[in-house]
């Protein structure tokens, strides 16, 4: 990737930080070539602090790091778009972004699918998802069946809150089943799109 650090006299280029999962813009910082190299080397987004006049790894004091995922440079080669995973609040004020926005995903189901993928390899003592995966496909299928029956039962009554709760449980376990079978929500979406075309 060709980044023109020499374009400006201070050797800095703007670095727009975007959440790799939600695509929300988190903050803006500046990088020189050394900060860019450090970011790739340690896997944590590192800037050149103009106020401190030194390299500054985001989260070095707070622990709220930005785990580096990928980057792209713009058409003029003088601005970076860095995709990262935030560990904790991004802004020093304690908010999710430097614009006081909540870092919610635009499509929560795809975000939840990503979380399931991460947690299936976690410690079973710490994660319900990991415990379910450890018990195997039969237990996962059983849970989907149980939640489906409970959803149907609540659908026959008039308690919307209980129906929605059971429907959410069914959706969650269905996403786990999809993952266990090696498939994704996107694949289901494609099948539905093909059917819609007929």
N, C-alpha and C. Protein backbone atom coordinates (compact mmCIF):
# COMPACT_ATOMS: atom_id res chain seq x y z
N UNK A 1 0.85 -1.19 0.00
CA UNK A 1 0.00 0.00 0.00
C UNK A 1 0.89 1.24 0.00
N UNK A 2 0.63 2.13 -0.93
CA UNK A 2 1.45 3.33 -1.10
C UNK A 2 0.82 4.51 -0.36
N UNK A 3 1.43 4.88 0.78
CA UNK A 3 0.94 6.01 1.58
C UNK A 3 1.93 7.16 1.44
N UNK A 4 1.43 8.33 1.05
CA UNK A 4 2.29 9.49 0.81
C UNK A 4 2.49 10.29 2.10
N UNK A 5 3.41 9.81 2.94
CA UNK A 5 3.68 10.52 4.20
C UNK A 5 4.42 11.84 3.97
N UNK A 6 5.00 12.00 2.79
CA UNK A 6 5.77 13.21 2.51
C UNK A 6 4.91 14.35 1.96
N UNK A 7 3.63 14.11 1.77
CA UNK A 7 2.77 15.12 1.15
C UNK A 7 2.67 16.37 2.02
N UNK A 8 2.60 16.17 3.36
CA UNK A 8 2.51 17.30 4.27
C UNK A 8 3.84 17.45 5.01
N UNK A 9 4.17 18.68 5.35
CA UNK A 9 5.49 18.98 5.91
C UNK A 9 5.76 18.28 7.24
N UNK A 10 4.69 17.96 8.00
CA UNK A 10 4.90 17.29 9.29
C UNK A 10 4.99 15.77 9.17
N UNK A 11 4.82 15.25 7.95
CA UNK A 11 4.93 13.80 7.74
C UNK A 11 3.75 13.00 8.26
N UNK A 12 2.65 13.67 8.56
CA UNK A 12 1.48 13.00 9.12
C UNK A 12 0.36 12.88 8.09
N UNK A 13 -0.37 11.78 8.18
CA UNK A 13 -1.58 11.62 7.37
C UNK A 13 -2.75 11.35 8.30
N UNK A 14 -3.95 11.85 7.96
CA UNK A 14 -5.13 11.55 8.79
C UNK A 14 -5.44 10.06 8.72
N UNK A 15 -5.87 9.51 9.85
CA UNK A 15 -6.27 8.10 9.92
C UNK A 15 -7.67 8.03 10.51
N UNK A 16 -8.63 7.71 9.67
CA UNK A 16 -10.02 7.56 10.11
C UNK A 16 -10.17 6.14 10.64
N UNK A 17 -10.63 6.00 11.87
CA UNK A 17 -10.77 4.69 12.48
C UNK A 17 -12.23 4.25 12.43
N UNK A 18 -12.45 3.08 11.85
CA UNK A 18 -13.80 2.54 11.66
C UNK A 18 -13.89 1.19 12.35
N UNK A 19 -15.01 0.93 13.02
CA UNK A 19 -15.22 -0.37 13.62
C UNK A 19 -15.31 -1.43 12.51
N UNK A 20 -14.50 -2.47 12.61
CA UNK A 20 -14.46 -3.49 11.56
C UNK A 20 -15.77 -4.25 11.45
N UNK A 21 -16.55 -4.30 12.54
CA UNK A 21 -17.80 -5.05 12.52
C UNK A 21 -19.00 -4.18 12.20
N UNK A 22 -19.14 -3.06 12.91
CA UNK A 22 -20.33 -2.24 12.75
C UNK A 22 -20.19 -1.20 11.64
N UNK A 23 -18.96 -0.94 11.20
CA UNK A 23 -18.64 0.07 10.17
C UNK A 23 -18.85 1.50 10.66
N UNK A 24 -19.09 1.69 11.94
CA UNK A 24 -19.27 3.04 12.47
C UNK A 24 -17.91 3.72 12.62
N UNK A 25 -17.83 5.01 12.26
CA UNK A 25 -16.59 5.77 12.44
C UNK A 25 -16.41 6.04 13.93
N UNK A 26 -15.22 5.68 14.44
CA UNK A 26 -14.96 5.77 15.88
C UNK A 26 -14.19 7.03 16.26
N UNK A 27 -13.17 7.36 15.49
CA UNK A 27 -12.34 8.51 15.84
C UNK A 27 -11.46 8.88 14.66
N UNK A 28 -10.75 9.99 14.81
CA UNK A 28 -9.77 10.44 13.82
C UNK A 28 -8.46 10.71 14.55
N UNK A 29 -7.39 10.20 13.98
CA UNK A 29 -6.06 10.47 14.53
C UNK A 29 -5.09 10.73 13.40
N UNK A 30 -3.82 10.86 13.73
CA UNK A 30 -2.80 11.09 12.71
C UNK A 30 -1.68 10.07 12.86
N UNK A 31 -1.18 9.61 11.72
CA UNK A 31 -0.09 8.65 11.73
C UNK A 31 1.07 9.17 10.89
N UNK A 32 2.28 8.93 11.39
CA UNK A 32 3.44 9.07 10.52
C UNK A 32 3.86 7.65 10.12
N UNK A 33 4.91 7.53 9.37
CA UNK A 33 5.30 6.21 8.88
C UNK A 33 5.64 5.27 10.03
N UNK A 34 6.26 5.80 11.06
CA UNK A 34 6.63 4.97 12.21
C UNK A 34 5.39 4.45 12.94
N UNK A 35 4.37 5.30 13.09
CA UNK A 35 3.12 4.88 13.74
C UNK A 35 2.41 3.81 12.91
N UNK A 36 2.44 3.99 11.60
CA UNK A 36 1.82 3.00 10.70
C UNK A 36 2.53 1.65 10.82
N UNK A 37 3.85 1.68 10.83
CA UNK A 37 4.61 0.43 10.96
C UNK A 37 4.37 -0.23 12.31
N UNK A 38 4.29 0.58 13.37
CA UNK A 38 4.05 0.06 14.71
C UNK A 38 2.66 -0.58 14.80
N UNK A 39 1.68 0.05 14.17
CA UNK A 39 0.31 -0.48 14.16
C UNK A 39 0.29 -1.90 13.60
N UNK A 40 0.99 -2.10 12.49
CA UNK A 40 1.02 -3.42 11.87
C UNK A 40 1.85 -4.41 12.69
N UNK A 41 2.90 -3.93 13.31
CA UNK A 41 3.80 -4.79 14.06
C UNK A 41 3.15 -5.34 15.34
N UNK A 42 2.47 -4.48 16.10
CA UNK A 42 1.91 -4.92 17.39
C UNK A 42 0.42 -5.26 17.30
N UNK A 43 -0.21 -4.93 16.18
CA UNK A 43 -1.63 -5.26 16.02
C UNK A 43 -2.57 -4.37 16.78
N UNK A 44 -2.07 -3.23 17.26
CA UNK A 44 -2.90 -2.25 17.96
C UNK A 44 -2.69 -0.89 17.29
N UNK A 45 -3.79 -0.17 17.06
CA UNK A 45 -3.70 1.09 16.33
C UNK A 45 -2.86 2.09 17.13
N UNK A 46 -1.85 2.61 16.45
CA UNK A 46 -0.90 3.55 17.06
C UNK A 46 -0.86 4.83 16.23
N UNK A 47 -0.89 5.95 16.92
CA UNK A 47 -0.88 7.26 16.26
C UNK A 47 0.41 8.00 16.61
N UNK A 48 0.59 9.13 15.92
CA UNK A 48 1.59 10.09 16.37
C UNK A 48 0.80 11.20 17.06
N UNK A 49 1.04 11.37 18.36
CA UNK A 49 0.33 12.39 19.13
C UNK A 49 0.98 13.75 18.90
N UNK A 50 0.22 14.68 18.34
CA UNK A 50 0.76 16.02 18.09
C UNK A 50 0.94 16.80 19.39
N UNK A 51 0.13 16.49 20.40
CA UNK A 51 0.27 17.20 21.67
C UNK A 51 1.45 16.65 22.49
N UNK A 52 1.65 15.33 22.44
CA UNK A 52 2.74 14.71 23.21
C UNK A 52 4.04 14.63 22.40
N UNK A 53 3.90 14.82 21.09
CA UNK A 53 5.05 14.75 20.18
C UNK A 53 5.78 13.41 20.30
N UNK A 54 4.98 12.34 20.27
CA UNK A 54 5.55 11.00 20.32
C UNK A 54 4.53 9.99 19.80
N UNK A 55 4.97 8.75 19.60
CA UNK A 55 4.03 7.69 19.24
C UNK A 55 3.11 7.42 20.41
N UNK A 56 1.85 7.13 20.10
CA UNK A 56 0.85 6.89 21.13
C UNK A 56 -0.05 5.76 20.67
N UNK A 57 0.02 4.63 21.38
CA UNK A 57 -0.87 3.51 21.09
C UNK A 57 -2.18 3.74 21.82
N UNK A 58 -3.27 3.82 21.08
CA UNK A 58 -4.59 4.04 21.69
C UNK A 58 -4.85 2.96 22.73
N UNK A 59 -5.13 3.38 23.96
CA UNK A 59 -5.41 2.44 25.04
C UNK A 59 -4.22 2.11 25.91
N UNK A 60 -3.07 2.74 25.65
CA UNK A 60 -1.87 2.40 26.42
C UNK A 60 -2.03 2.74 27.91
N UNK A 61 -2.90 3.67 28.22
CA UNK A 61 -3.16 4.00 29.62
C UNK A 61 -4.49 3.45 30.11
N UNK A 62 -5.52 3.51 29.27
CA UNK A 62 -6.87 3.10 29.68
C UNK A 62 -7.11 1.60 29.51
N UNK A 63 -6.34 0.97 28.62
CA UNK A 63 -6.60 -0.43 28.29
C UNK A 63 -7.64 -0.59 27.20
N UNK A 64 -8.20 0.52 26.73
CA UNK A 64 -9.21 0.49 25.66
C UNK A 64 -8.52 0.54 24.30
N UNK A 65 -7.88 -0.56 23.95
CA UNK A 65 -7.12 -0.62 22.70
C UNK A 65 -8.03 -0.69 21.48
N UNK A 66 -7.45 -0.39 20.33
CA UNK A 66 -8.09 -0.60 19.04
C UNK A 66 -7.30 -1.71 18.34
N UNK A 67 -7.86 -2.90 18.28
CA UNK A 67 -7.16 -4.03 17.67
C UNK A 67 -7.24 -3.90 16.15
N UNK A 68 -6.09 -3.80 15.53
CA UNK A 68 -6.00 -3.57 14.08
C UNK A 68 -6.53 -4.76 13.29
N UNK A 69 -7.36 -4.47 12.28
CA UNK A 69 -7.88 -5.51 11.39
C UNK A 69 -7.39 -5.34 9.95
N UNK A 70 -7.56 -4.14 9.41
CA UNK A 70 -7.14 -3.90 8.03
C UNK A 70 -7.10 -2.40 7.78
N UNK A 71 -6.60 -2.02 6.60
CA UNK A 71 -6.53 -0.59 6.27
C UNK A 71 -6.58 -0.40 4.76
N UNK A 72 -7.00 0.79 4.37
CA UNK A 72 -7.01 1.17 2.95
C UNK A 72 -6.57 2.63 2.87
N UNK A 73 -5.98 2.99 1.75
CA UNK A 73 -5.56 4.37 1.53
C UNK A 73 -6.44 4.97 0.46
N UNK A 74 -6.72 6.27 0.56
CA UNK A 74 -7.63 6.91 -0.39
C UNK A 74 -6.94 7.14 -1.74
N UNK A 75 -7.70 7.70 -2.69
CA UNK A 75 -7.22 7.85 -4.07
C UNK A 75 -6.04 8.81 -4.19
N UNK A 76 -5.87 9.72 -3.23
CA UNK A 76 -4.74 10.64 -3.25
C UNK A 76 -3.54 10.12 -2.43
N UNK A 77 -3.70 8.96 -1.85
CA UNK A 77 -2.64 8.30 -1.06
C UNK A 77 -2.23 9.11 0.17
N UNK A 78 -3.16 9.93 0.71
CA UNK A 78 -2.77 10.76 1.84
C UNK A 78 -3.75 10.70 3.02
N UNK A 79 -4.67 9.73 2.98
CA UNK A 79 -5.60 9.53 4.09
C UNK A 79 -5.84 8.04 4.25
N UNK A 80 -5.77 7.57 5.50
CA UNK A 80 -5.98 6.15 5.78
C UNK A 80 -7.38 5.89 6.34
N UNK A 81 -7.95 4.78 5.93
CA UNK A 81 -9.16 4.25 6.56
C UNK A 81 -8.73 2.97 7.26
N UNK A 82 -8.72 3.01 8.59
CA UNK A 82 -8.25 1.88 9.39
C UNK A 82 -9.45 1.19 10.03
N UNK A 83 -9.58 -0.11 9.78
CA UNK A 83 -10.65 -0.88 10.40
C UNK A 83 -10.08 -1.61 11.61
N UNK A 84 -10.77 -1.48 12.73
CA UNK A 84 -10.26 -2.03 13.98
C UNK A 84 -11.39 -2.56 14.84
N UNK A 85 -11.01 -3.35 15.84
CA UNK A 85 -11.98 -3.83 16.83
C UNK A 85 -11.73 -3.08 18.13
N UNK A 86 -12.68 -2.27 18.59
CA UNK A 86 -12.48 -1.52 19.83
C UNK A 86 -12.64 -2.39 21.07
N UNK A 87 -11.69 -2.26 21.99
CA UNK A 87 -11.79 -2.96 23.27
C UNK A 87 -12.18 -1.91 24.31
N UNK A 88 -13.46 -1.75 24.52
CA UNK A 88 -13.94 -0.73 25.44
C UNK A 88 -14.27 0.57 24.72
N UNK A 89 -14.67 1.60 25.48
CA UNK A 89 -15.01 2.90 24.90
C UNK A 89 -13.81 3.48 24.14
N UNK A 90 -14.09 4.20 23.07
CA UNK A 90 -13.01 4.77 22.25
C UNK A 90 -12.62 6.16 22.74
N UNK A 91 -13.60 6.98 23.07
CA UNK A 91 -13.31 8.37 23.45
C UNK A 91 -12.84 8.47 24.90
N UNK A 92 -11.98 9.46 25.17
CA UNK A 92 -11.49 9.67 26.53
C UNK A 92 -12.59 10.10 27.49
N UNK A 93 -13.74 10.51 26.92
CA UNK A 93 -14.88 10.89 27.78
C UNK A 93 -15.67 9.67 28.23
N UNK A 94 -15.35 8.51 27.67
CA UNK A 94 -16.04 7.28 28.04
C UNK A 94 -17.14 6.85 27.09
N UNK A 95 -17.31 7.57 25.97
CA UNK A 95 -18.34 7.21 25.00
C UNK A 95 -17.76 6.26 23.95
N UNK A 96 -18.68 5.60 23.21
CA UNK A 96 -18.26 4.60 22.22
C UNK A 96 -17.47 5.21 21.07
N UNK A 97 -17.81 6.44 20.70
CA UNK A 97 -17.10 7.13 19.61
C UNK A 97 -16.78 8.55 20.06
N UNK A 98 -15.93 9.21 19.29
CA UNK A 98 -15.57 10.60 19.62
C UNK A 98 -16.66 11.58 19.22
N UNK A 99 -17.76 11.08 18.67
CA UNK A 99 -18.91 11.92 18.33
C UNK A 99 -20.08 11.62 19.25
N UNK A 100 -19.78 10.98 20.39
CA UNK A 100 -20.78 10.69 21.41
C UNK A 100 -21.91 9.83 20.86
N UNK A 101 -21.56 8.91 19.96
CA UNK A 101 -22.55 8.00 19.40
C UNK A 101 -22.40 6.63 20.03
N UNK A 102 -23.49 5.88 20.04
CA UNK A 102 -23.45 4.49 20.49
C UNK A 102 -23.02 3.63 19.32
N UNK A 103 -22.06 2.75 19.57
CA UNK A 103 -21.50 1.94 18.49
C UNK A 103 -22.33 0.68 18.25
N UNK A 104 -23.61 0.88 17.91
CA UNK A 104 -24.48 -0.25 17.62
C UNK A 104 -24.33 -0.66 16.16
N UNK A 105 -24.38 -1.96 15.89
CA UNK A 105 -24.30 -2.41 14.49
C UNK A 105 -25.57 -2.06 13.73
N UNK A 106 -25.44 -1.82 12.43
CA UNK A 106 -26.61 -1.50 11.62
C UNK A 106 -27.46 -2.74 11.39
N UNK A 107 -26.83 -3.91 11.31
CA UNK A 107 -27.57 -5.16 11.16
C UNK A 107 -27.17 -6.07 12.31
N UNK A 108 -27.95 -6.06 13.36
CA UNK A 108 -27.56 -6.74 14.59
C UNK A 108 -27.45 -8.25 14.42
N UNK A 109 -28.27 -8.85 13.55
CA UNK A 109 -28.21 -10.30 13.38
C UNK A 109 -26.85 -10.74 12.85
N UNK A 110 -26.28 -9.98 11.91
CA UNK A 110 -24.96 -10.32 11.38
C UNK A 110 -23.89 -10.10 12.45
N UNK A 111 -24.09 -9.08 13.25
CA UNK A 111 -23.17 -8.82 14.37
C UNK A 111 -23.24 -9.96 15.38
N UNK A 112 -24.44 -10.41 15.69
CA UNK A 112 -24.62 -11.52 16.62
C UNK A 112 -23.99 -12.79 16.08
N UNK A 113 -24.11 -13.00 14.79
CA UNK A 113 -23.47 -14.15 14.14
C UNK A 113 -21.96 -14.11 14.34
N UNK A 114 -21.39 -12.93 14.24
CA UNK A 114 -19.96 -12.75 14.45
C UNK A 114 -19.58 -13.05 15.90
N UNK A 115 -20.40 -12.60 16.84
CA UNK A 115 -20.14 -12.85 18.26
C UNK A 115 -20.18 -14.35 18.55
N UNK A 116 -21.14 -15.05 17.97
CA UNK A 116 -21.23 -16.51 18.15
C UNK A 116 -19.96 -17.18 17.65
N UNK A 117 -19.46 -16.75 16.49
CA UNK A 117 -18.23 -17.32 15.94
C UNK A 117 -17.06 -17.11 16.89
N UNK A 118 -17.00 -15.95 17.53
CA UNK A 118 -15.93 -15.66 18.47
C UNK A 118 -16.04 -16.49 19.74
N UNK A 119 -17.26 -16.62 20.23
CA UNK A 119 -17.45 -17.25 21.54
C UNK A 119 -17.45 -18.77 21.51
N UNK A 120 -17.62 -19.38 20.35
CA UNK A 120 -17.69 -20.85 20.32
C UNK A 120 -16.36 -21.48 20.74
N UNK A 121 -15.27 -20.73 20.61
CA UNK A 121 -13.96 -21.24 21.01
C UNK A 121 -13.49 -20.71 22.36
N UNK A 122 -14.40 -20.04 23.07
CA UNK A 122 -14.06 -19.51 24.39
C UNK A 122 -14.11 -20.64 25.42
N UNK A 123 -13.80 -20.31 26.64
CA UNK A 123 -13.87 -21.30 27.72
C UNK A 123 -15.32 -21.66 28.00
N UNK A 124 -15.66 -22.94 28.03
CA UNK A 124 -17.05 -23.35 28.33
C UNK A 124 -17.53 -22.87 29.69
N UNK A 125 -16.57 -22.63 30.61
CA UNK A 125 -16.95 -22.14 31.93
C UNK A 125 -17.42 -20.69 31.87
N UNK A 126 -17.01 -19.97 30.83
CA UNK A 126 -17.31 -18.55 30.74
C UNK A 126 -18.38 -18.21 29.70
N UNK A 127 -18.66 -19.14 28.78
CA UNK A 127 -19.56 -18.82 27.67
C UNK A 127 -20.61 -19.91 27.47
N UNK A 128 -21.89 -19.50 27.45
CA UNK A 128 -22.98 -20.42 27.16
C UNK A 128 -22.83 -21.00 25.76
N UNK A 129 -22.44 -20.15 24.81
CA UNK A 129 -22.26 -20.61 23.43
C UNK A 129 -21.19 -21.69 23.36
N UNK A 130 -20.07 -21.48 24.02
CA UNK A 130 -19.00 -22.47 24.02
C UNK A 130 -19.45 -23.78 24.66
N UNK A 131 -20.23 -23.68 25.75
CA UNK A 131 -20.74 -24.90 26.41
C UNK A 131 -21.64 -25.69 25.47
N UNK A 132 -22.47 -24.96 24.71
CA UNK A 132 -23.37 -25.63 23.78
C UNK A 132 -22.60 -26.32 22.66
N UNK A 133 -21.60 -25.64 22.12
CA UNK A 133 -20.77 -26.24 21.07
C UNK A 133 -20.03 -27.47 21.59
N UNK A 134 -19.58 -27.41 22.82
CA UNK A 134 -18.84 -28.53 23.41
C UNK A 134 -19.72 -29.77 23.52
N UNK A 135 -21.03 -29.56 23.73
CA UNK A 135 -21.95 -30.69 23.87
C UNK A 135 -22.28 -31.34 22.53
N UNK A 136 -21.96 -30.64 21.43
CA UNK A 136 -22.12 -31.25 20.11
C UNK A 136 -23.40 -30.89 19.39
N UNK A 137 -23.47 -31.33 18.14
CA UNK A 137 -24.55 -30.96 17.23
C UNK A 137 -25.91 -31.46 17.72
N UNK A 138 -25.95 -32.64 18.34
CA UNK A 138 -27.24 -33.17 18.80
C UNK A 138 -27.88 -32.26 19.85
N UNK A 139 -27.07 -31.75 20.77
CA UNK A 139 -27.58 -30.85 21.80
C UNK A 139 -28.04 -29.53 21.18
N UNK A 140 -27.29 -29.04 20.20
CA UNK A 140 -27.66 -27.78 19.52
C UNK A 140 -29.00 -27.95 18.80
N UNK A 141 -29.15 -29.06 18.08
CA UNK A 141 -30.40 -29.33 17.37
C UNK A 141 -31.56 -29.46 18.36
N UNK A 142 -31.30 -30.13 19.47
CA UNK A 142 -32.32 -30.29 20.51
C UNK A 142 -32.79 -28.93 21.03
N UNK A 143 -31.82 -28.00 21.26
CA UNK A 143 -32.17 -26.67 21.76
C UNK A 143 -33.01 -25.91 20.75
N UNK A 144 -32.68 -26.02 19.47
CA UNK A 144 -33.47 -25.35 18.44
C UNK A 144 -34.89 -25.89 18.44
N UNK A 145 -35.02 -27.22 18.56
CA UNK A 145 -36.35 -27.83 18.62
C UNK A 145 -37.15 -27.36 19.82
N UNK A 146 -36.50 -27.32 20.98
CA UNK A 146 -37.18 -26.87 22.19
C UNK A 146 -37.66 -25.43 22.05
N UNK A 147 -36.78 -24.58 21.52
CA UNK A 147 -37.15 -23.16 21.37
C UNK A 147 -38.26 -22.98 20.34
N UNK A 148 -38.25 -23.81 19.29
CA UNK A 148 -39.30 -23.73 18.27
C UNK A 148 -40.65 -24.09 18.87
N UNK A 149 -40.68 -25.17 19.67
CA UNK A 149 -41.92 -25.59 20.31
C UNK A 149 -42.43 -24.51 21.27
N UNK A 150 -41.51 -23.95 22.06
CA UNK A 150 -41.90 -22.90 23.01
C UNK A 150 -42.42 -21.66 22.29
N UNK A 151 -41.85 -21.35 21.13
CA UNK A 151 -42.32 -20.20 20.33
C UNK A 151 -43.74 -20.46 19.83
N UNK A 152 -43.98 -21.68 19.35
CA UNK A 152 -45.31 -22.03 18.85
C UNK A 152 -46.34 -21.96 19.98
N UNK A 153 -45.98 -22.45 21.16
CA UNK A 153 -46.90 -22.42 22.30
C UNK A 153 -47.26 -20.99 22.65
N UNK A 154 -46.26 -20.11 22.71
CA UNK A 154 -46.53 -18.70 23.06
C UNK A 154 -47.29 -17.98 21.96
N UNK A 155 -47.13 -18.43 20.70
CA UNK A 155 -47.85 -17.81 19.59
C UNK A 155 -49.35 -18.05 19.70
N UNK A 156 -49.74 -19.14 20.36
CA UNK A 156 -51.16 -19.47 20.51
C UNK A 156 -51.83 -18.65 21.61
N UNK A 157 -51.00 -18.02 22.47
CA UNK A 157 -51.54 -17.16 23.53
C UNK A 157 -51.48 -15.70 23.10
N UNK A 158 -51.82 -14.80 24.02
CA UNK A 158 -51.89 -13.38 23.67
C UNK A 158 -50.86 -12.53 24.42
N UNK A 159 -49.81 -13.17 24.94
CA UNK A 159 -48.78 -12.42 25.65
C UNK A 159 -47.64 -12.10 24.67
N UNK A 160 -47.67 -10.89 24.12
CA UNK A 160 -46.68 -10.52 23.11
C UNK A 160 -45.26 -10.56 23.66
N UNK A 161 -45.09 -10.18 24.92
CA UNK A 161 -43.76 -10.15 25.52
C UNK A 161 -43.15 -11.54 25.57
N UNK A 162 -43.94 -12.53 26.02
CA UNK A 162 -43.44 -13.91 26.09
C UNK A 162 -43.19 -14.47 24.69
N UNK A 163 -44.07 -14.15 23.74
CA UNK A 163 -43.88 -14.63 22.36
C UNK A 163 -42.58 -14.09 21.76
N UNK A 164 -42.35 -12.78 21.92
CA UNK A 164 -41.13 -12.18 21.38
C UNK A 164 -39.87 -12.73 22.06
N UNK A 165 -39.97 -12.99 23.34
CA UNK A 165 -38.83 -13.55 24.07
C UNK A 165 -38.48 -14.94 23.55
N UNK A 166 -39.49 -15.77 23.35
CA UNK A 166 -39.24 -17.12 22.83
C UNK A 166 -38.77 -17.07 21.37
N UNK A 167 -39.31 -16.14 20.59
CA UNK A 167 -38.87 -15.99 19.20
C UNK A 167 -37.40 -15.57 19.13
N UNK A 168 -36.99 -14.70 20.06
CA UNK A 168 -35.59 -14.28 20.13
C UNK A 168 -34.69 -15.46 20.50
N UNK A 169 -35.15 -16.29 21.45
CA UNK A 169 -34.38 -17.49 21.83
C UNK A 169 -34.23 -18.42 20.64
N UNK A 170 -35.30 -18.57 19.87
CA UNK A 170 -35.27 -19.44 18.69
C UNK A 170 -34.28 -18.91 17.66
N UNK A 171 -34.33 -17.60 17.40
CA UNK A 171 -33.42 -16.99 16.43
C UNK A 171 -31.96 -17.17 16.85
N UNK A 172 -31.69 -16.94 18.13
CA UNK A 172 -30.33 -17.06 18.66
C UNK A 172 -29.81 -18.49 18.48
N UNK A 173 -30.61 -19.47 18.84
CA UNK A 173 -30.16 -20.86 18.72
C UNK A 173 -30.09 -21.32 17.27
N UNK A 174 -30.94 -20.74 16.41
CA UNK A 174 -30.85 -21.04 14.99
C UNK A 174 -29.52 -20.55 14.41
N UNK A 175 -29.07 -19.37 14.85
CA UNK A 175 -27.77 -18.86 14.40
C UNK A 175 -26.64 -19.77 14.87
N UNK A 176 -26.77 -20.31 16.07
CA UNK A 176 -25.76 -21.25 16.57
C UNK A 176 -25.76 -22.52 15.71
N UNK A 177 -26.94 -23.01 15.37
CA UNK A 177 -27.05 -24.20 14.53
C UNK A 177 -26.43 -23.95 13.15
N UNK A 178 -26.71 -22.80 12.56
CA UNK A 178 -26.12 -22.46 11.26
C UNK A 178 -24.60 -22.54 11.33
N UNK A 179 -24.02 -21.95 12.38
CA UNK A 179 -22.57 -21.95 12.56
C UNK A 179 -22.06 -23.38 12.72
N UNK A 180 -22.76 -24.17 13.53
CA UNK A 180 -22.34 -25.55 13.78
C UNK A 180 -22.34 -26.38 12.50
N UNK A 181 -23.23 -26.05 11.58
CA UNK A 181 -23.32 -26.76 10.31
C UNK A 181 -22.40 -26.17 9.24
N UNK A 182 -21.66 -25.12 9.61
CA UNK A 182 -20.71 -24.52 8.68
C UNK A 182 -21.34 -23.57 7.68
N UNK A 183 -22.49 -23.02 8.04
CA UNK A 183 -23.19 -22.11 7.13
C UNK A 183 -23.40 -20.75 7.79
N UNK A 184 -23.86 -19.79 7.00
CA UNK A 184 -24.02 -18.43 7.49
C UNK A 184 -25.40 -17.88 7.18
N UNK A 185 -25.74 -16.82 7.87
CA UNK A 185 -26.99 -16.12 7.62
C UNK A 185 -27.06 -15.59 6.19
N UNK A 186 -25.91 -15.20 5.66
CA UNK A 186 -25.85 -14.69 4.28
C UNK A 186 -26.31 -15.75 3.29
N UNK A 187 -25.95 -17.01 3.54
CA UNK A 187 -26.36 -18.10 2.65
C UNK A 187 -27.87 -18.28 2.68
N UNK A 188 -28.47 -18.17 3.86
CA UNK A 188 -29.93 -18.26 3.97
C UNK A 188 -30.57 -17.10 3.21
N UNK A 189 -29.98 -15.93 3.35
CA UNK A 189 -30.47 -14.74 2.66
C UNK A 189 -30.44 -14.95 1.15
N UNK A 190 -29.37 -15.56 0.64
CA UNK A 190 -29.25 -15.79 -0.79
C UNK A 190 -30.31 -16.77 -1.29
N UNK A 191 -30.60 -17.82 -0.50
CA UNK A 191 -31.65 -18.77 -0.87
C UNK A 191 -32.99 -18.05 -0.97
N UNK A 192 -33.28 -17.19 0.00
CA UNK A 192 -34.54 -16.44 0.00
C UNK A 192 -34.62 -15.49 -1.19
N UNK A 193 -33.48 -14.87 -1.53
CA UNK A 193 -33.46 -13.98 -2.69
C UNK A 193 -33.74 -14.72 -3.98
N UNK A 194 -33.16 -15.91 -4.11
CA UNK A 194 -33.39 -16.71 -5.31
C UNK A 194 -34.85 -17.13 -5.42
N UNK A 195 -35.44 -17.49 -4.29
CA UNK A 195 -36.85 -17.85 -4.28
C UNK A 195 -37.73 -16.65 -4.64
N UNK A 196 -37.32 -15.48 -4.18
CA UNK A 196 -38.08 -14.26 -4.42
C UNK A 196 -38.09 -13.92 -5.91
N UNK A 197 -37.05 -14.30 -6.63
CA UNK A 197 -36.95 -14.00 -8.06
C UNK A 197 -37.86 -14.86 -8.91
N UNK A 198 -38.28 -16.00 -8.37
CA UNK A 198 -39.09 -16.94 -9.16
C UNK A 198 -40.54 -16.47 -9.29
